[in-house]
């Protein structure tokens, strides 16, 4: 009974994390209409990263703190930090030019791009499942993107930036995974975020200097603060805690709920319409991600010892 209660608690914590990340996406969409994209990303990452570094030093929420070596610090600057900075610029501009639900769905396809990253096509059932999953997800991406070429109300650039953001998120995740073999994953996230913030600071200063002045409203500042604390520190604390209690493959299945969470938030807060095209694209992308995960679990469990 205790095991079942513990599993329900972990599942509830993960659902709460997905709830926070969906709200974080919609908060970014809200801010992207009023604040410069580089300023949003730079201040958010810099503050969230420093908060997490402080929590590493003063609490045991994320486990023991690890000081990166010089070689690791170089990778944090030039690999994960720089890639994350470029990613968030694509993400924030996509949020400004497209809908929050569209951008979230493009990001929802990133686990499939990661599967393709890991192996080339082979004459095996496992490879067939993976590439079948990729085709389903790609069909969902095309379903979302194609109307933008014919509907003047949709911005093709925003859709393209959403797709590019999905690919960059895959690259960032791959680089983070490589570093996580040497440094705890939460430490990689904390050290990467504040470095990404530093990379974006010159751009943020240029935006504030050259663009029209930012209007500081209490609502906008509150949204940014909630995104830093909720979507950054709290959500990652829950996610990391779940990774300590469950196998990673089981935890990452909850990633599939982020587009649904974002769609719900965007409909309730921003009034974005849930179209038939959006539903079809979501079903195709989620089916592709689920098929890829099933194929991964089915074949990996035969060679990996139980957790």
Protein backbone atom coordinates (compact mmCIF):
# COMPACT_ATOMS: atom_id res chain seq x y z
CA UNK A 1 0.00 0.00 0.00
CA UNK A 2 2.82 2.40 0.85
CA UNK A 3 4.38 1.80 -2.57
CA UNK A 4 1.10 2.64 -4.31
CA UNK A 5 0.68 5.79 -2.21
CA UNK A 6 4.26 6.82 -3.03
CA UNK A 7 3.67 6.27 -6.77
CA UNK A 8 0.48 8.34 -6.64
CA UNK A 9 2.39 11.10 -4.86
CA UNK A 10 5.13 11.13 -7.51
CA UNK A 11 2.53 11.12 -10.31
CA UNK A 12 0.68 14.02 -8.67
CA UNK A 13 3.96 15.94 -8.34
CA UNK A 14 4.68 15.42 -12.04
CA UNK A 15 1.19 16.52 -13.07
CA UNK A 16 1.70 19.66 -10.96
CA UNK A 17 5.03 20.24 -12.75
CA UNK A 18 3.34 19.96 -16.16
CA UNK A 19 0.64 22.34 -14.93
CA UNK A 20 3.34 24.87 -13.99
CA UNK A 21 5.17 24.52 -17.30
CA UNK A 22 1.95 24.99 -19.27
CA UNK A 23 1.30 28.18 -17.31
CA UNK A 24 4.92 29.23 -17.86
CA UNK A 25 4.46 28.91 -21.64
CA UNK A 26 1.31 31.03 -21.57
CA UNK A 27 3.03 33.57 -19.30
CA UNK A 28 5.78 33.87 -21.90
CA UNK A 29 3.17 34.40 -24.61
CA UNK A 30 1.60 37.15 -22.49
CA UNK A 31 4.91 38.93 -21.92
CA UNK A 32 6.09 38.51 -25.53
CA UNK A 33 3.39 40.93 -26.65
CA UNK A 34 4.78 43.73 -24.47
CA UNK A 35 8.45 43.01 -23.60
CA UNK A 36 11.46 42.35 -25.91
CA UNK A 37 12.13 38.59 -26.31
CA UNK A 38 15.81 38.78 -25.31
CA UNK A 39 14.98 40.74 -22.17
CA UNK A 40 12.33 38.19 -21.16
CA UNK A 41 14.68 35.23 -21.62
CA UNK A 42 17.80 36.88 -20.24
CA UNK A 43 16.30 38.11 -16.98
CA UNK A 44 14.32 34.90 -16.45
CA UNK A 45 17.24 32.53 -16.95
CA UNK A 46 19.71 34.67 -15.01
CA UNK A 47 17.43 35.00 -11.97
CA UNK A 48 16.19 31.38 -12.01
CA UNK A 49 19.74 30.04 -12.44
CA UNK A 50 21.12 32.08 -9.55
CA UNK A 51 18.19 31.06 -7.34
CA UNK A 52 18.86 27.39 -8.09
CA UNK A 53 22.60 27.79 -7.46
CA UNK A 54 21.75 29.41 -4.12
CA UNK A 55 19.40 26.55 -3.21
CA UNK A 56 22.17 24.08 -4.05
CA UNK A 57 24.48 25.85 -1.64
CA UNK A 58 22.00 26.39 1.21
CA UNK A 59 19.62 23.40 0.99
CA UNK A 60 19.62 19.74 0.00
CA UNK A 61 16.53 20.00 -2.23
CA UNK A 62 18.55 19.09 -5.34
CA UNK A 63 21.18 16.95 -3.62
CA UNK A 64 24.81 17.92 -2.91
CA UNK A 65 26.33 20.83 -4.82
CA UNK A 66 29.11 20.06 -7.31
CA UNK A 67 31.58 22.69 -8.49
CA UNK A 68 32.20 22.29 -12.26
CA UNK A 69 35.78 21.89 -13.42
CA UNK A 70 37.31 24.32 -15.93
CA UNK A 71 36.59 21.97 -18.82
CA UNK A 72 33.01 21.46 -17.65
CA UNK A 73 32.52 25.21 -17.17
CA UNK A 74 33.69 25.74 -20.77
CA UNK A 75 31.08 23.25 -21.97
CA UNK A 76 28.43 24.96 -19.86
CA UNK A 77 29.27 28.28 -21.53
CA UNK A 78 29.77 27.15 -25.14
CA UNK A 79 27.43 24.16 -25.41
CA UNK A 80 24.43 24.09 -23.09
CA UNK A 81 24.42 27.80 -22.17
CA UNK A 82 24.79 29.16 -25.71
CA UNK A 83 22.33 26.64 -27.20
CA UNK A 84 19.77 27.43 -24.49
CA UNK A 85 20.15 31.17 -25.18
CA UNK A 86 19.55 30.70 -28.93
CA UNK A 87 16.66 28.34 -28.20
CA UNK A 88 14.85 30.79 -25.93
CA UNK A 89 15.14 33.55 -28.54
CA UNK A 90 13.45 31.29 -31.11
CA UNK A 91 10.88 30.23 -28.52
CA UNK A 92 10.04 33.78 -27.40
CA UNK A 93 9.79 35.10 -30.96
CA UNK A 94 7.63 32.12 -31.91
CA UNK A 95 5.39 32.94 -28.95
CA UNK A 96 5.10 36.52 -30.18
CA UNK A 97 4.30 35.56 -33.79
CA UNK A 98 2.32 32.34 -33.29
CA UNK A 99 -0.05 30.87 -30.71
CA UNK A 100 1.11 29.33 -27.44
CA UNK A 101 -0.59 26.02 -28.29
CA UNK A 102 1.17 25.80 -31.67
CA UNK A 103 4.62 26.43 -30.16
CA UNK A 104 3.99 23.90 -27.37
CA UNK A 105 2.99 21.26 -29.92
CA UNK A 106 6.15 21.83 -31.94
CA UNK A 107 8.16 21.36 -28.74
CA UNK A 108 6.09 18.26 -28.00
CA UNK A 109 7.68 16.62 -31.04
CA UNK A 110 11.22 17.06 -29.66
CA UNK A 111 11.41 13.57 -28.04
CA UNK A 112 11.01 12.08 -31.52
CA UNK A 113 13.85 14.20 -32.93
CA UNK A 114 15.93 12.93 -30.00
CA UNK A 115 15.14 9.33 -30.99
CA UNK A 116 16.33 10.03 -34.54
CA UNK A 117 19.48 11.67 -33.15
CA UNK A 118 20.42 8.47 -31.36
CA UNK A 119 20.47 6.01 -34.28
CA UNK A 120 20.32 5.69 -38.06
CA UNK A 121 17.70 3.51 -39.81
CA UNK A 122 18.32 -0.22 -39.37
CA UNK A 123 16.65 -3.40 -40.55
CA UNK A 124 14.95 -4.09 -37.23
CA UNK A 125 11.49 -3.84 -35.67
CA UNK A 126 12.86 -1.40 -33.09
CA UNK A 127 14.12 0.97 -35.81
CA UNK A 128 10.82 0.65 -37.69
CA UNK A 129 8.93 1.74 -34.58
CA UNK A 130 11.19 4.71 -34.05
CA UNK A 131 10.97 5.94 -37.61
CA UNK A 132 7.24 5.29 -37.70
CA UNK A 133 6.97 7.50 -34.61
CA UNK A 134 9.02 10.19 -36.35
CA UNK A 135 6.75 10.12 -39.40
CA UNK A 136 3.65 10.51 -37.23
CA UNK A 137 5.17 13.47 -35.39
CA UNK A 138 6.33 14.99 -38.68
CA UNK A 139 2.79 14.63 -40.05
CA UNK A 140 1.56 16.57 -37.02
CA UNK A 141 4.14 19.32 -37.60
CA UNK A 142 3.14 19.60 -41.28
CA UNK A 143 -0.54 19.69 -40.27
CA UNK A 144 0.20 22.70 -38.07
CA UNK A 145 2.55 24.47 -40.47
CA UNK A 146 0.76 24.00 -43.79
CA UNK A 147 -2.22 26.32 -43.08
CA UNK A 148 0.23 29.16 -42.30
CA UNK A 149 1.30 29.14 -45.95
CA UNK A 150 -2.26 29.82 -47.12
CA UNK A 151 -3.95 31.71 -44.27
CA UNK A 152 -3.01 35.39 -44.01
CA UNK A 153 -3.96 35.37 -40.33
CA UNK A 154 -1.13 32.92 -39.55
CA UNK A 155 2.55 33.90 -39.62
CA UNK A 156 4.84 31.34 -41.34
CA UNK A 157 7.90 32.83 -39.62
CA UNK A 158 6.37 32.18 -36.20
CA UNK A 159 5.68 28.55 -37.18
CA UNK A 160 9.22 28.11 -38.54
CA UNK A 161 10.71 29.53 -35.35
CA UNK A 162 8.56 27.08 -33.35
CA UNK A 163 9.96 24.18 -35.39
CA UNK A 164 13.51 25.51 -35.02
CA UNK A 165 12.96 25.84 -31.28
CA UNK A 166 11.90 22.19 -31.14
CA UNK A 167 15.15 21.12 -32.84
CA UNK A 168 17.26 23.40 -30.62
CA UNK A 169 15.55 21.98 -27.51
CA UNK A 170 16.58 18.50 -28.70
CA UNK A 171 20.19 19.65 -29.15
CA UNK A 172 20.18 21.31 -25.73
CA UNK A 173 18.75 18.17 -24.10
CA UNK A 174 21.41 16.04 -25.81
CA UNK A 175 24.23 18.30 -24.59
CA UNK A 176 22.74 18.43 -21.08
CA UNK A 177 22.54 14.64 -20.98
CA UNK A 178 26.23 14.39 -21.89
CA UNK A 179 27.18 16.75 -19.07
CA UNK A 180 24.79 14.99 -16.65
CA UNK A 181 27.04 11.93 -16.81
CA UNK A 182 29.65 14.02 -14.96
CA UNK A 183 27.52 16.55 -13.00
CA UNK A 184 24.04 16.04 -11.45
CA UNK A 185 21.27 17.05 -13.86
CA UNK A 186 19.86 19.77 -11.60
CA UNK A 187 23.34 21.32 -11.27
CA UNK A 188 23.67 21.33 -15.06
CA UNK A 189 20.33 23.14 -15.35
CA UNK A 190 21.22 25.73 -12.71
CA UNK A 191 24.70 26.43 -14.09
CA UNK A 192 23.36 26.52 -17.66
CA UNK A 193 20.47 28.88 -16.97
CA UNK A 194 22.46 31.73 -15.45
CA UNK A 195 25.07 31.42 -18.21
CA UNK A 196 22.33 31.57 -20.86
CA UNK A 197 21.10 34.70 -19.09
CA UNK A 198 24.55 36.25 -19.35
CA UNK A 199 24.73 35.41 -23.07
CA UNK A 200 21.40 37.20 -23.58
CA UNK A 201 22.17 40.28 -21.48
CA UNK A 202 23.92 42.30 -24.27
CA UNK A 203 20.96 41.62 -26.55
CA UNK A 204 18.54 42.58 -23.78
CA UNK A 205 20.40 45.87 -23.24
CA UNK A 206 20.32 46.56 -26.99
CA UNK A 207 16.60 45.83 -27.10
CA UNK A 208 15.91 48.21 -24.23
CA UNK A 209 18.11 50.90 -25.79
CA UNK A 210 17.02 50.72 -29.44
CA UNK A 211 13.40 49.53 -29.23
CA UNK A 212 10.49 51.42 -27.77
CA UNK A 213 10.60 51.74 -23.95
CA UNK A 214 9.25 48.83 -21.92
CA UNK A 215 6.02 49.57 -20.09
CA UNK A 216 6.41 48.26 -16.55
CA UNK A 217 3.00 47.14 -15.32
CA UNK A 218 2.41 45.29 -12.08
CA UNK A 219 0.75 42.45 -14.01
CA UNK A 220 3.72 41.93 -16.34
CA UNK A 221 6.27 42.00 -13.51
CA UNK A 222 4.16 39.54 -11.52
CA UNK A 223 3.89 37.18 -14.50
CA UNK A 224 7.69 37.26 -14.96
CA UNK A 225 8.25 36.61 -11.25
CA UNK A 226 5.81 33.67 -11.25
CA UNK A 227 7.51 32.21 -14.34
CA UNK A 228 10.95 32.52 -12.70
CA UNK A 229 9.83 30.94 -9.44
CA UNK A 230 7.08 28.55 -10.58
CA UNK A 231 8.15 27.51 -14.07
CA UNK A 232 11.83 27.61 -13.15
CA UNK A 233 12.78 26.79 -9.57
CA UNK A 234 9.66 25.01 -8.20
CA UNK A 235 8.90 23.00 -11.35
CA UNK A 236 12.49 21.86 -11.73
CA UNK A 237 12.69 20.92 -8.04
CA UNK A 238 9.62 18.67 -8.48
CA UNK A 239 10.95 17.22 -11.75
CA UNK A 240 14.37 16.44 -10.26
CA UNK A 241 12.80 14.87 -7.18
CA UNK A 242 10.69 12.61 -9.41
CA UNK A 243 13.83 11.55 -11.30
CA UNK A 244 15.32 10.45 -7.99
CA UNK A 245 12.28 8.26 -7.24
CA UNK A 246 11.33 6.87 -10.66
CA UNK A 247 13.26 5.67 -13.75
CA UNK A 248 13.94 8.49 -16.20
CA UNK A 249 11.99 6.75 -18.99
CA UNK A 250 8.88 6.73 -16.79
CA UNK A 251 9.23 10.36 -15.77
CA UNK A 252 9.75 11.63 -19.33
CA UNK A 253 6.45 10.14 -20.45
CA UNK A 254 4.79 13.04 -18.58
CA UNK A 255 6.43 15.45 -21.06
CA UNK A 256 3.68 14.39 -23.47
CA UNK A 257 1.15 16.30 -21.37
CA UNK A 258 2.82 19.72 -21.80
CA UNK A 259 1.00 20.60 -25.06
CA UNK A 260 -2.35 19.73 -23.45
CA UNK A 261 -1.50 21.81 -20.37
CA UNK A 262 -0.42 24.75 -22.53
CA UNK A 263 -3.49 24.48 -24.73
CA UNK A 264 -5.76 24.55 -21.67
CA UNK A 265 -3.97 27.55 -20.13
CA UNK A 266 -3.95 29.46 -23.42
CA UNK A 267 -7.66 28.83 -23.99
CA UNK A 268 -8.61 29.94 -20.48
CA UNK A 269 -6.21 32.88 -20.05
CA UNK A 270 -5.60 34.15 -23.59
CA UNK A 271 -8.82 33.02 -25.23
CA UNK A 272 -6.97 31.13 -27.98
CA UNK A 273 -9.30 28.98 -30.08
CA UNK A 274 -8.79 25.21 -30.06
CA UNK A 275 -9.27 24.45 -33.78
CA UNK A 276 -9.83 21.10 -35.48
CA UNK A 277 -6.40 21.43 -37.10
CA UNK A 278 -4.83 21.89 -33.67
CA UNK A 279 -6.58 18.78 -32.31
CA UNK A 280 -5.48 16.70 -35.32
CA UNK A 281 -1.89 17.89 -35.07
CA UNK A 282 -1.83 17.18 -31.33
CA UNK A 283 -3.14 13.64 -31.84
CA UNK A 284 -0.53 12.92 -34.53
CA UNK A 285 2.39 14.35 -32.53
CA UNK A 286 1.38 12.68 -29.26
CA UNK A 287 0.81 9.38 -31.07
CA UNK A 288 4.29 9.65 -32.55
CA UNK A 289 5.87 10.43 -29.20
CA UNK A 290 3.94 7.61 -27.48
CA UNK A 291 4.93 5.09 -30.20
CA UNK A 292 8.55 6.14 -29.89
CA UNK A 293 8.45 5.73 -26.11
CA UNK A 294 6.73 2.34 -26.34
CA UNK A 295 9.37 1.14 -28.77
CA UNK A 296 12.13 2.46 -26.51
CA UNK A 297 10.72 0.84 -23.36
CA UNK A 298 9.86 -2.45 -25.05
CA UNK A 299 13.34 -3.07 -26.37
CA UNK A 300 15.47 -1.37 -23.74
CA UNK A 301 13.88 -3.32 -20.89
CA UNK A 302 15.21 -6.50 -22.48
CA UNK A 303 18.82 -5.36 -22.09
CA UNK A 304 18.71 -3.11 -19.03
CA UNK A 305 18.51 -4.44 -15.46
CA UNK A 306 15.39 -3.41 -13.54
CA UNK A 307 15.56 -0.13 -11.58
